[in-house]
Protein backbone atom coordinates (compact mmCIF):
# COMPACT_ATOMS: atom_id res chain seq x y z
CA UNK A 1 -48.68 -6.56 -41.08
CA UNK A 2 -47.42 -9.74 -42.71
CA UNK A 3 -44.38 -7.82 -43.89
CA UNK A 4 -43.62 -6.61 -40.34
CA UNK A 5 -44.00 -10.12 -38.95
CA UNK A 6 -41.67 -11.39 -41.65
CA UNK A 7 -39.07 -8.78 -40.81
CA UNK A 8 -39.26 -9.63 -37.12
CA UNK A 9 -39.01 -13.33 -37.82
CA UNK A 10 -36.02 -12.73 -40.07
CA UNK A 11 -34.37 -10.61 -37.38
CA UNK A 12 -34.95 -13.31 -34.75
CA UNK A 13 -33.44 -15.93 -37.04
CA UNK A 14 -30.44 -13.69 -37.67
CA UNK A 15 -29.89 -13.10 -33.94
CA UNK A 16 -30.21 -16.80 -33.23
CA UNK A 17 -27.71 -17.58 -35.97
CA UNK A 18 -25.24 -15.03 -34.62
CA UNK A 19 -25.69 -16.36 -31.08
CA UNK A 20 -25.21 -19.99 -32.09
CA UNK A 21 -22.28 -19.16 -34.35
CA UNK A 22 -20.69 -16.99 -31.67
CA UNK A 23 -21.15 -19.68 -29.03
CA UNK A 24 -19.52 -22.27 -31.30
CA UNK A 25 -16.59 -19.91 -31.99
CA UNK A 26 -16.18 -19.08 -28.29
CA UNK A 27 -16.22 -22.73 -27.33
CA UNK A 28 -13.29 -23.31 -29.67
CA UNK A 29 -11.40 -20.35 -28.18
CA UNK A 30 -11.92 -21.18 -24.49
CA UNK A 31 -8.98 -23.62 -24.01
CA UNK A 32 -6.44 -21.23 -25.52
CA UNK A 33 -7.80 -18.28 -23.52
CA UNK A 34 -7.65 -20.26 -20.27
CA UNK A 35 -4.09 -21.35 -21.00
CA UNK A 36 -3.07 -17.74 -21.66
CA UNK A 37 -4.82 -16.48 -18.50
CA UNK A 38 -3.31 -19.16 -16.23
CA UNK A 39 0.19 -18.57 -17.63
CA UNK A 40 -0.08 -14.83 -16.98
CA UNK A 41 -1.51 -15.40 -13.48
CA UNK A 42 1.31 -17.77 -12.58
CA UNK A 43 3.92 -15.28 -13.81
CA UNK A 44 2.42 -12.63 -11.52
CA UNK A 45 2.20 -15.06 -8.60
CA UNK A 46 5.86 -15.95 -9.09
CA UNK A 47 6.82 -12.29 -8.76
CA UNK A 48 4.50 -11.88 -5.76
CA UNK A 49 6.09 -14.88 -4.02
CA UNK A 50 9.66 -13.69 -4.59
CA UNK A 51 11.37 -13.35 -1.24
CA UNK A 52 8.75 -15.30 0.72
CA UNK A 53 10.78 -18.49 0.54
CA UNK A 54 7.91 -20.38 -1.10
CA UNK A 55 5.80 -20.67 -4.23
CA UNK A 56 2.27 -19.86 -5.40
CA UNK A 57 0.66 -21.17 -8.58
CA UNK A 58 -2.69 -21.91 -10.21
CA UNK A 59 -3.46 -25.06 -12.21
CA UNK A 60 -6.43 -26.08 -14.35
CA UNK A 61 -7.93 -29.22 -12.81
CA UNK A 62 -10.72 -29.84 -15.32
CA UNK A 63 -12.56 -28.30 -18.27
CA UNK A 64 -15.95 -29.53 -19.50
CA UNK A 65 -16.92 -27.84 -22.76
CA UNK A 66 -20.52 -27.57 -23.92
CA UNK A 67 -22.10 -25.65 -26.79
CA UNK A 68 -23.27 -22.55 -24.93
CA UNK A 69 -21.26 -22.93 -21.73
CA UNK A 70 -18.13 -24.50 -20.29
CA UNK A 71 -17.30 -25.47 -16.71
CA UNK A 72 -13.77 -25.29 -15.34
CA UNK A 73 -12.15 -25.95 -11.99
CA UNK A 74 -8.86 -24.48 -10.81
CA UNK A 75 -6.65 -25.04 -7.81
CA UNK A 76 -4.47 -22.44 -6.11
CA UNK A 77 -1.45 -23.93 -4.31
CA UNK A 78 0.54 -21.99 -1.73
CA UNK A 79 3.65 -23.74 -0.40
CA UNK A 80 6.17 -22.63 2.26
CA UNK A 81 5.28 -18.93 2.01
CA UNK A 82 6.45 -16.79 4.91
CA UNK A 83 4.31 -13.76 5.69
CA UNK A 84 4.96 -11.02 8.25
CA UNK A 85 4.10 -12.06 11.81
CA UNK A 86 3.62 -15.75 11.00
CA UNK A 87 5.22 -18.32 13.28
CA UNK A 88 5.41 -20.85 10.45
CA UNK A 89 5.15 -20.76 6.64
CA UNK A 90 1.78 -20.92 4.90
CA UNK A 91 0.85 -24.18 3.16
CA UNK A 92 -2.63 -24.64 1.71
CA UNK A 93 -4.67 -25.38 -1.41
CA UNK A 94 -8.05 -23.95 -2.41
CA UNK A 95 -10.33 -24.87 -5.30
CA UNK A 96 -12.30 -22.47 -7.49
CA UNK A 97 -15.17 -23.33 -9.84
CA UNK A 98 -15.80 -21.35 -13.00
CA UNK A 99 -19.01 -21.40 -15.05
CA UNK A 100 -18.14 -19.84 -18.42
CA UNK A 101 -20.97 -18.51 -20.60
CA UNK A 102 -20.07 -18.34 -24.30
CA UNK A 103 -20.69 -15.14 -26.25
CA UNK A 104 -21.79 -13.10 -27.95
CA UNK A 105 -24.73 -12.69 -25.56
CA UNK A 106 -24.14 -14.51 -22.24
CA UNK A 107 -27.43 -14.92 -20.41
CA UNK A 108 -26.17 -13.33 -17.16
CA UNK A 109 -25.36 -10.15 -19.10
CA UNK A 110 -28.68 -10.15 -20.94
CA UNK A 111 -30.53 -10.39 -17.61
CA UNK A 112 -28.59 -7.33 -16.43
CA UNK A 113 -29.45 -5.49 -19.69
CA UNK A 114 -25.80 -5.52 -20.76
CA UNK A 115 -26.39 -6.06 -24.47
CA UNK A 116 -22.97 -5.36 -25.97
CA UNK A 117 -21.51 -8.62 -27.36
CA UNK A 118 -18.57 -10.23 -25.57
CA UNK A 119 -16.56 -13.38 -26.21
CA UNK A 120 -17.38 -14.93 -22.83
CA UNK A 121 -18.45 -14.25 -19.27
CA UNK A 122 -16.74 -16.13 -16.44
CA UNK A 123 -18.59 -16.69 -13.15
CA UNK A 124 -16.22 -18.05 -10.51
CA UNK A 125 -16.60 -18.93 -6.85
CA UNK A 126 -14.54 -20.43 -4.05
CA UNK A 127 -15.27 -24.13 -3.35
CA UNK A 128 -16.20 -25.24 0.16
CA UNK A 129 -13.78 -27.78 1.59
CA UNK A 130 -12.07 -28.34 4.96
CA UNK A 131 -9.66 -25.48 4.20
CA UNK A 132 -12.39 -22.93 3.46
CA UNK A 133 -15.35 -24.19 5.54
CA UNK A 134 -14.79 -21.58 8.27
CA UNK A 135 -15.04 -18.75 5.70
CA UNK A 136 -18.29 -20.18 4.31
CA UNK A 137 -19.68 -20.37 7.85
CA UNK A 138 -18.64 -16.76 8.49
CA UNK A 139 -20.42 -15.72 5.26
CA UNK A 140 -23.65 -17.43 6.28
CA UNK A 141 -23.14 -20.44 4.02
CA UNK A 142 -22.55 -18.53 0.76
CA UNK A 143 -19.26 -18.43 -1.10
CA UNK A 144 -17.06 -15.81 0.62
CA UNK A 145 -15.40 -14.92 -2.67
CA UNK A 146 -17.04 -14.65 -6.10
CA UNK A 147 -16.03 -13.02 -9.36
CA UNK A 148 -17.45 -12.21 -12.76
CA UNK A 149 -15.16 -11.48 -15.70
CA UNK A 150 -16.25 -10.34 -19.17
CA UNK A 151 -13.81 -11.00 -22.02
CA UNK A 152 -14.34 -8.80 -25.08
CA UNK A 153 -13.61 -9.83 -28.64
CA UNK A 154 -10.98 -7.09 -28.88
CA UNK A 155 -9.18 -8.43 -25.81
CA UNK A 156 -10.63 -6.09 -23.19
CA UNK A 157 -11.36 -7.53 -19.74
CA UNK A 158 -13.85 -6.26 -17.17
CA UNK A 159 -13.80 -8.04 -13.82
CA UNK A 160 -16.03 -7.67 -10.78
CA UNK A 161 -14.68 -9.33 -7.62
CA UNK A 162 -16.88 -9.50 -4.51
CA UNK A 163 -16.03 -10.48 -0.96
CA UNK A 164 -19.19 -11.45 0.90
CA UNK A 165 -20.16 -9.96 4.27
CA UNK A 166 -18.67 -12.11 7.03
CA UNK A 167 -19.00 -12.27 10.78
CA UNK A 168 -17.04 -14.34 13.29
CA UNK A 169 -17.41 -14.35 17.09
CA UNK A 170 -15.10 -16.35 19.35
CA UNK A 171 -15.89 -17.75 22.77
CA UNK A 172 -13.90 -15.08 24.64
CA UNK A 173 -15.81 -12.25 22.94
CA UNK A 174 -13.28 -11.43 20.23
CA UNK A 175 -15.02 -10.79 16.91
CA UNK A 176 -14.69 -9.67 13.31
CA UNK A 177 -17.63 -8.10 11.46
CA UNK A 178 -16.95 -7.29 7.80
CA UNK A 179 -19.59 -5.67 5.58
CA UNK A 180 -18.00 -7.04 2.39
CA UNK A 181 -16.04 -5.52 -0.46
CA UNK A 182 -16.40 -4.97 -4.19
CA UNK A 183 -13.41 -4.54 -6.51
CA UNK A 184 -13.83 -3.72 -10.20
CA UNK A 185 -10.85 -3.96 -12.54
CA UNK A 186 -10.83 -3.30 -16.27
CA UNK A 187 -8.05 -3.48 -18.83
CA UNK A 188 -6.62 -5.65 -21.57
CA UNK A 189 -5.81 -9.34 -21.40
CA UNK A 190 -2.06 -8.69 -21.04
CA UNK A 191 -2.49 -6.32 -18.12
CA UNK A 192 -0.73 -3.45 -19.89
CA UNK A 193 -3.47 -0.96 -18.91
CA UNK A 194 -5.50 -1.32 -15.72
CA UNK A 195 -8.28 0.72 -14.14
CA UNK A 196 -9.28 -0.06 -10.56
CA UNK A 197 -12.28 0.90 -8.45
CA UNK A 198 -13.09 -0.67 -5.10
CA UNK A 199 -15.24 -0.02 -2.05
CA UNK A 200 -15.74 -1.54 1.40
CA UNK A 201 -18.27 -0.01 3.79
CA UNK A 202 -17.25 -1.23 7.22
CA UNK A 203 -14.88 -3.51 9.13
CA UNK A 204 -15.06 -3.92 12.91
CA UNK A 205 -12.54 -5.97 14.90
CA UNK A 206 -12.65 -6.59 18.64
CA UNK A 207 -9.83 -8.28 20.54
CA UNK A 208 -10.48 -9.59 24.03
CA UNK A 209 -7.66 -11.03 26.14
CA UNK A 210 -5.78 -10.52 29.39
CA UNK A 211 -5.64 -6.77 28.80
CA UNK A 212 -8.60 -4.39 28.38
CA UNK A 213 -10.44 -5.07 25.10
CA UNK A 214 -9.39 -3.22 21.97
CA UNK A 215 -11.91 -2.36 19.25
CA UNK A 216 -11.05 -0.98 15.83
CA UNK A 217 -13.72 0.19 13.36
CA UNK A 218 -12.88 1.26 9.79
CA UNK A 219 -15.54 2.86 7.59
CA UNK A 220 -15.81 4.15 4.04
CA UNK A 221 -12.82 2.53 2.31
CA UNK A 222 -12.25 3.36 -1.37
CA UNK A 223 -9.51 2.52 -3.84
CA UNK A 224 -9.12 3.92 -7.35
CA UNK A 225 -6.38 3.69 -9.91
CA UNK A 226 -5.44 4.15 -13.54
CA UNK A 227 -2.18 2.32 -14.25
CA UNK A 228 -0.08 1.51 -17.30
CA UNK A 229 2.48 -1.28 -17.41
CA UNK A 230 6.04 -0.38 -18.39
CA UNK A 231 8.53 -2.54 -20.26
CA UNK A 232 9.72 -3.71 -16.84
CA UNK A 233 7.79 -6.65 -15.41
CA UNK A 234 5.41 -5.74 -12.54
CA UNK A 235 6.32 -2.04 -12.72
CA UNK A 236 3.35 0.24 -13.44
CA UNK A 237 3.05 4.01 -13.76
CA UNK A 238 0.00 6.18 -13.25
CA UNK A 239 -2.13 6.97 -10.21
CA UNK A 240 -3.35 4.82 -7.34
CA UNK A 241 -5.39 6.43 -4.56
CA UNK A 242 -6.73 5.04 -1.28
CA UNK A 243 -9.23 6.70 1.04
CA UNK A 244 -10.69 5.80 4.45
CA UNK A 245 -13.50 7.97 5.71
CA UNK A 246 -12.98 7.13 9.37
CA UNK A 247 -10.91 4.95 11.69
CA UNK A 248 -11.97 4.58 15.31
CA UNK A 249 -9.92 2.74 17.93
CA UNK A 250 -11.12 2.13 21.50
CA UNK A 251 -8.15 1.29 23.72
CA UNK A 252 -6.75 1.14 27.24
CA UNK A 253 -8.18 0.81 30.76
CA UNK A 254 -10.39 3.88 30.30
CA UNK A 255 -11.50 2.70 26.84
CA UNK A 256 -10.57 6.09 25.40
CA UNK A 257 -11.46 6.60 21.76
CA UNK A 258 -8.95 7.65 19.10
CA UNK A 259 -10.80 8.94 16.03
CA UNK A 260 -9.11 9.64 12.69
CA UNK A 261 -11.10 11.12 9.81
CA UNK A 262 -10.31 11.64 6.15
CA UNK A 263 -7.29 9.34 5.75
CA UNK A 264 -5.81 9.53 2.24
CA UNK A 265 -2.93 7.97 0.36
CA UNK A 266 -2.46 9.38 -3.14
CA UNK A 267 0.28 7.87 -5.31
CA UNK A 268 1.45 9.11 -8.71
CA UNK A 269 4.23 7.25 -10.53
CA UNK A 270 5.89 8.37 -13.75
CA UNK A 271 8.44 6.94 -16.17
CA UNK A 272 11.49 9.12 -16.83
CA UNK A 273 12.99 8.07 -20.12
CA UNK A 274 12.99 4.30 -20.51
CA UNK A 275 14.47 2.89 -17.32
CA UNK A 276 13.96 5.46 -14.58
CA UNK A 277 11.07 5.93 -12.20
CA UNK A 278 9.70 8.99 -10.44
CA UNK A 279 6.98 9.29 -7.85
CA UNK A 280 4.83 11.69 -5.85
CA UNK A 281 3.23 10.25 -2.68
CA UNK A 282 0.78 11.98 -0.35
CA UNK A 283 -0.44 10.79 3.07
CA UNK A 284 -3.09 12.86 4.85
CA UNK A 285 -5.36 12.76 7.87
CA UNK A 286 -7.84 15.63 7.99
CA UNK A 287 -8.90 15.37 11.65
CA UNK A 288 -7.51 13.66 14.76
CA UNK A 289 -9.58 13.43 17.94
CA UNK A 290 -8.71 11.66 21.21
CA UNK A 291 -11.01 11.14 24.19
CA UNK A 292 -13.51 13.60 22.64
CA UNK A 293 -10.86 16.30 22.38
CA UNK A 294 -9.57 17.82 19.13
CA UNK A 295 -5.90 17.12 18.46
CA UNK A 296 -5.19 18.38 14.93
CA UNK A 297 -4.43 17.24 11.39
CA UNK A 298 -1.36 16.16 9.49
CA UNK A 299 0.14 15.28 6.16
CA UNK A 300 3.31 13.94 4.56
CA UNK A 301 4.27 14.53 0.93
CA UNK A 302 7.18 12.58 -0.57
CA UNK A 303 8.91 12.77 -3.95
CA UNK A 304 11.55 10.62 -5.58
CA UNK A 305 13.14 10.93 -9.02
CA UNK A 306 15.60 9.19 -11.31
CA UNK A 307 15.41 5.73 -9.74
CA UNK A 308 17.02 3.11 -12.02
CA UNK A 309 14.32 0.44 -12.39
CA UNK A 310 16.47 -2.63 -13.30
CA UNK A 311 18.85 -1.92 -10.40
CA UNK A 312 15.97 -1.27 -8.02
CA UNK A 313 14.28 -4.57 -8.98
CA UNK A 314 17.53 -6.52 -8.63
CA UNK A 315 18.20 -5.11 -5.16
CA UNK A 316 14.59 -5.67 -4.15
CA UNK A 317 14.71 -9.30 -5.24
CA UNK A 318 17.97 -9.82 -3.34
CA UNK A 319 16.50 -8.31 -0.17
CA UNK A 320 13.27 -10.30 -0.51
CA UNK A 321 15.36 -13.44 -0.69
CA UNK A 322 16.64 -12.60 2.81
CA UNK A 323 13.19 -11.84 4.24
CA UNK A 324 12.38 -15.39 5.45
CA UNK A 325 15.55 -15.33 7.58
CA UNK A 326 14.65 -11.89 8.95
CA UNK A 327 11.01 -12.84 9.61
CA UNK A 328 11.94 -16.04 11.43
CA UNK A 329 14.28 -14.08 13.70
CA UNK A 330 11.51 -11.56 14.43
CA UNK A 331 9.00 -14.32 15.25
CA UNK A 332 11.52 -15.90 17.64
CA UNK A 333 12.17 -12.54 19.33
CA UNK A 334 15.76 -12.35 18.15
CA UNK A 335 17.72 -9.27 17.08
CA UNK A 336 17.98 -8.35 13.41
CA UNK A 337 20.12 -11.15 11.98
CA UNK A 338 23.48 -10.52 10.36
CA UNK A 339 23.11 -11.10 6.64
CA UNK A 340 25.98 -13.21 5.39
CA UNK A 341 27.09 -12.73 1.77
CA UNK A 342 29.55 -14.56 -0.40
CA UNK A 343 32.17 -12.52 -2.26
CA UNK A 344 30.23 -13.08 -5.49
CA UNK A 345 26.96 -11.99 -3.89
CA UNK A 346 28.57 -8.91 -2.35
CA UNK A 347 30.05 -7.91 -5.69
CA UNK A 348 26.65 -8.28 -7.37
CA UNK A 349 24.87 -6.20 -4.72
CA UNK A 350 27.49 -3.46 -4.85
CA UNK A 351 27.31 -3.48 -8.65
CA UNK A 352 23.54 -2.94 -8.58
CA UNK A 353 23.95 -0.21 -5.96
CA UNK A 354 26.45 1.55 -8.21
CA UNK A 355 23.97 1.36 -11.12
CA UNK A 356 21.26 2.80 -8.88
CA UNK A 357 23.47 5.65 -7.64
CA UNK A 358 24.95 6.35 -11.08
CA UNK A 359 21.49 7.57 -12.10
CA UNK A 360 21.83 10.28 -9.39
CA UNK A 361 18.47 9.61 -7.69
CA UNK A 362 16.85 12.18 -5.45
CA UNK A 363 14.52 11.82 -2.46
CA UNK A 364 12.47 14.59 -0.90
CA UNK A 365 10.17 15.10 2.05
CA UNK A 366 8.30 17.97 0.46
CA UNK A 367 6.06 18.49 3.46
CA UNK A 368 5.80 16.73 6.82
CA UNK A 369 3.47 18.89 8.88
CA UNK A 370 1.15 18.80 11.85
CA UNK A 371 -1.50 21.42 12.52
CA UNK A 372 -3.41 22.24 15.70
CA UNK A 373 -5.96 24.97 16.39
CA UNK A 374 -3.32 27.71 16.80
CA UNK A 375 -0.20 26.61 14.96
CA UNK A 376 1.50 24.44 12.34
CA UNK A 377 4.89 22.73 12.52
CA UNK A 378 6.66 21.59 9.37
CA UNK A 379 9.71 19.60 8.28
CA UNK A 380 11.30 19.54 4.81
CA UNK A 381 14.25 17.54 3.51
CA UNK A 382 15.74 17.06 0.04
CA UNK A 383 18.68 14.75 -0.72
CA UNK A 384 20.63 14.27 -3.96
CA UNK A 385 22.58 11.00 -4.11
CA UNK A 386 25.72 10.21 -6.10
CA UNK A 387 27.88 7.20 -6.87
CA UNK A 388 30.95 6.86 -4.58
CA UNK A 389 34.33 5.83 -5.95
CA UNK A 390 34.25 2.77 -3.69
CA UNK A 391 32.07 1.24 -0.97
CA UNK A 392 35.20 0.34 0.99
CA UNK A 393 35.92 3.95 1.96
CA UNK A 394 35.91 5.01 5.64
CA UNK A 395 32.34 5.81 6.80
CA UNK A 396 32.82 9.60 6.87
CA UNK A 397 34.26 9.68 3.34
CA UNK A 398 31.65 7.24 2.06
CA UNK A 399 28.84 9.39 3.47
CA UNK A 400 30.22 12.53 1.82
CA UNK A 401 30.43 10.81 -1.55
CA UNK A 402 27.00 9.15 -1.27
CA UNK A 403 25.24 12.49 -0.65
CA UNK A 404 26.11 15.26 -3.07
CA UNK A 405 23.58 17.76 -1.73
CA UNK A 406 21.21 18.04 1.23
CA UNK A 407 18.72 20.73 2.23
CA UNK A 408 16.58 20.53 5.36
CA UNK A 409 14.36 22.84 7.36
CA UNK A 410 12.44 22.28 10.60
CA UNK A 411 9.94 24.86 11.81
CA UNK A 412 8.31 24.18 15.21
CA UNK A 413 5.35 26.33 16.19
CA UNK A 414 5.39 27.41 19.84
CA UNK A 415 1.61 27.78 19.61
CA UNK A 416 1.29 24.17 18.44
CA UNK A 417 3.48 22.98 21.32
CA UNK A 418 1.23 24.94 23.67
CA UNK A 419 -1.89 23.32 22.20
CA UNK A 420 -0.42 19.85 22.75
CA UNK A 421 0.58 20.76 26.32
CA UNK A 422 -3.00 21.89 26.95
CA UNK A 423 -4.32 18.62 25.59
CA UNK A 424 -1.94 16.62 27.78
CA UNK A 425 -3.03 18.55 30.88
CA UNK A 426 -6.73 18.04 30.14
CA UNK A 427 -6.25 14.34 29.52
CA UNK A 428 -4.33 14.15 32.80
CA UNK A 429 -7.39 15.39 34.66
CA UNK A 430 -6.36 19.02 35.30
CA UNK A 431 -9.25 21.49 35.39
CA UNK A 432 -7.71 24.82 36.41
CA UNK A 433 -8.06 26.83 33.19
CA UNK A 434 -5.59 29.54 34.21
CA UNK A 435 -2.93 27.04 35.29
CA UNK A 436 -3.33 25.06 32.09
CA UNK A 437 -2.96 28.20 29.96
CA UNK A 438 0.19 29.19 31.86
CA UNK A 439 1.70 25.71 31.41
CA UNK A 440 0.93 25.82 27.68
CA UNK A 441 2.63 29.21 27.27
CA UNK A 442 5.66 28.06 29.24
CA UNK A 443 5.99 24.90 27.13
CA UNK A 444 6.23 26.90 23.91
CA UNK A 445 8.65 29.43 25.35
CA UNK A 446 10.81 26.71 26.90
CA UNK A 447 11.21 25.12 23.47
CA UNK A 448 12.56 28.39 22.08
CA UNK A 449 14.95 28.91 25.01
CA UNK A 450 16.39 25.39 24.81
CA UNK A 451 16.81 25.62 21.03
CA UNK A 452 18.73 28.89 21.14
CA UNK A 453 20.88 27.86 24.11
CA UNK A 454 22.02 24.66 22.42
CA UNK A 455 22.45 26.29 19.03
CA UNK A 456 20.14 23.77 17.39
CA UNK A 457 17.70 26.43 16.17
CA UNK A 458 16.80 30.09 16.14
CA UNK A 459 13.56 31.82 17.11
CA UNK A 460 11.61 33.61 14.39
CA UNK A 461 8.45 35.11 15.88
CA UNK A 462 6.24 32.25 17.06
CA UNK A 463 8.36 29.63 15.30
CA UNK A 464 11.54 27.82 16.33
CA UNK A 465 13.48 27.28 13.09
CA UNK A 466 16.44 25.07 12.22
CA UNK A 467 18.05 24.93 8.76
CA UNK A 468 20.71 22.64 7.31
CA UNK A 469 22.44 22.78 3.93
CA UNK A 470 25.23 20.50 2.72
CA UNK A 471 27.23 20.49 -0.52
CA UNK A 472 30.86 19.93 -1.54
CA UNK A 473 31.97 18.81 1.92
CA UNK A 474 30.71 21.98 3.66
CA UNK A 475 27.76 22.32 6.05
CA UNK A 476 25.66 25.45 6.57
CA UNK A 477 23.81 24.97 9.88
CA UNK A 478 21.53 27.86 10.87
CA UNK A 479 23.72 30.27 8.91
CA UNK A 480 27.04 28.99 10.27
CA UNK A 481 29.34 27.35 7.73
CA UNK A 482 31.79 24.59 8.70
CA UNK A 483 33.41 21.37 7.40
CA UNK A 484 31.52 18.13 7.93
CA UNK A 485 33.93 16.98 10.65
CA UNK A 486 33.33 20.17 12.66
CA UNK A 487 29.56 19.71 12.29
CA UNK A 488 29.76 16.15 13.63
CA UNK A 489 31.85 17.32 16.58
CA UNK A 490 29.33 20.09 17.30
CA UNK A 491 26.43 17.62 17.36
CA UNK A 492 28.37 15.31 19.67
CA UNK A 493 29.01 18.22 22.01
CA UNK A 494 25.34 19.19 22.06
CA UNK A 495 24.31 15.58 22.72
CA UNK A 496 26.58 15.48 25.80
CA UNK A 497 25.01 18.58 27.35
CA UNK A 498 22.96 18.01 30.55
CA UNK A 499 19.22 18.12 30.03
CA UNK A 500 17.57 21.08 31.87
CA UNK A 501 15.29 19.95 34.70
């Protein structure tokens, strides 16, 4: 018995020694780790602010170091940042407190039975001030934004960011009711490998004004990703998926309900060689319902390949630099502004475009389809790009040199057109079943007649089909081959035809 007690006492002393020693070591490491983290955050904020016309940065306001804990305060500054739809740039500052528990066994982890040693655990929260008071009120007095970050001795980082439930109701009846969100991100301290998992149960927004009220309810949001950073700053490859279980919108004088179920966005990015990017993007909605009537389902699948990353980033940064001018014009209700360029700027943009096109990128709509109860319509398009000899060529010659190959196919289901005509009749208040069925049949048949008469398509069973192939200056349109100029003239002739009444 005495021996067992001695062993336990020795073990307790050993654990205490490790804890004290680890806390002392962590306390020494905290300043350097904070400096590294803030520098990396500011680099990312600089990239995020590119093209907004302003700046965003984080600074360390204070750091109080103790033996087992440290307390830090940061300040996020946003200056002259233009965002879409804003009538003026954003300018604000917010403060964040951070209670840092030194490792190897931070008490908050021990309480949660997380017993693996870590260097430190950071517990941060937004500070209430005049800028953030409204968010605290909406969250019932608690901090609307909190985060916990575990820093491992090997450099791994596990973060848990939480947005508190918030509710706001205005005097006119407009309201926002948010159930909160949780976002978990794990990776290394340099952000070279990132795993993401996030959920949000419900968001309801109601807008009341001069028009009938509009209510939007989103439920069951999820985000998941597994990304790896490339050698190019802020360019990641891997998968990133988003899912929304249901979106319901109540709109218009009749307060009809539009219901979308099973909304998905699945993104897969890949690195081709060292400097080229490829991607596969999917957008899906599994069920569409309007005014308690089934409409259908749809999806879009996109692919792109061989995109030169340095050229793409350079062009993106140039365009983002013009965004404040474009956004201001949009806010003021003006037309899209003419973008003025100096000779030097024009030469640089054209040079980056040539680099981008020299890689011979491709873009493809693999599947753009819509399905109703009786039929499915589908569109496909694949384009291979090439580098023209000059951007100063006449438009027709420039277009032929920009596109080296094009393949497209449109297949319209007469049954699907009939289903949509039936839906339109029912929503319009018609109740004669026989008349509605006749109108639906006529709508599908009329599509086929118009397509064949104009030469835009052919009829293949229940489908109206149009095909287009281009290569080497020749166009194959629905089996008829012709030079590009003849194809353009044919389209102009069709466009000038009178529309059947």
